[in-house]
């Protein structure tokens, strides 16, 4: 690939769980971004799900700020488990 830069020329840094989660949140592959994407793409959902989409955006901002401040996920994310039902 012309103009490609290899990463082995620079020292590597170990990624912590915080870094990995920030990469996920910043790069949009998490479940919150996926739901927002569905709202944008499914006909008729934009108008009926506008409040849900705004709530998702607000939670992502809150989560990112929490991670930047405390270096870990918010308790509601960190302690979440699948329910049996």
Foldseek 3Di string as FASTA:
>chain_A
DPPDDDPVVDDDDDDDPLNVVVCCLVVQPDPLSVVLVCCVPDPPSCVVCVVVNVVSVVVSVVQNVCCVVPVDGDCCVVVDDDDPD
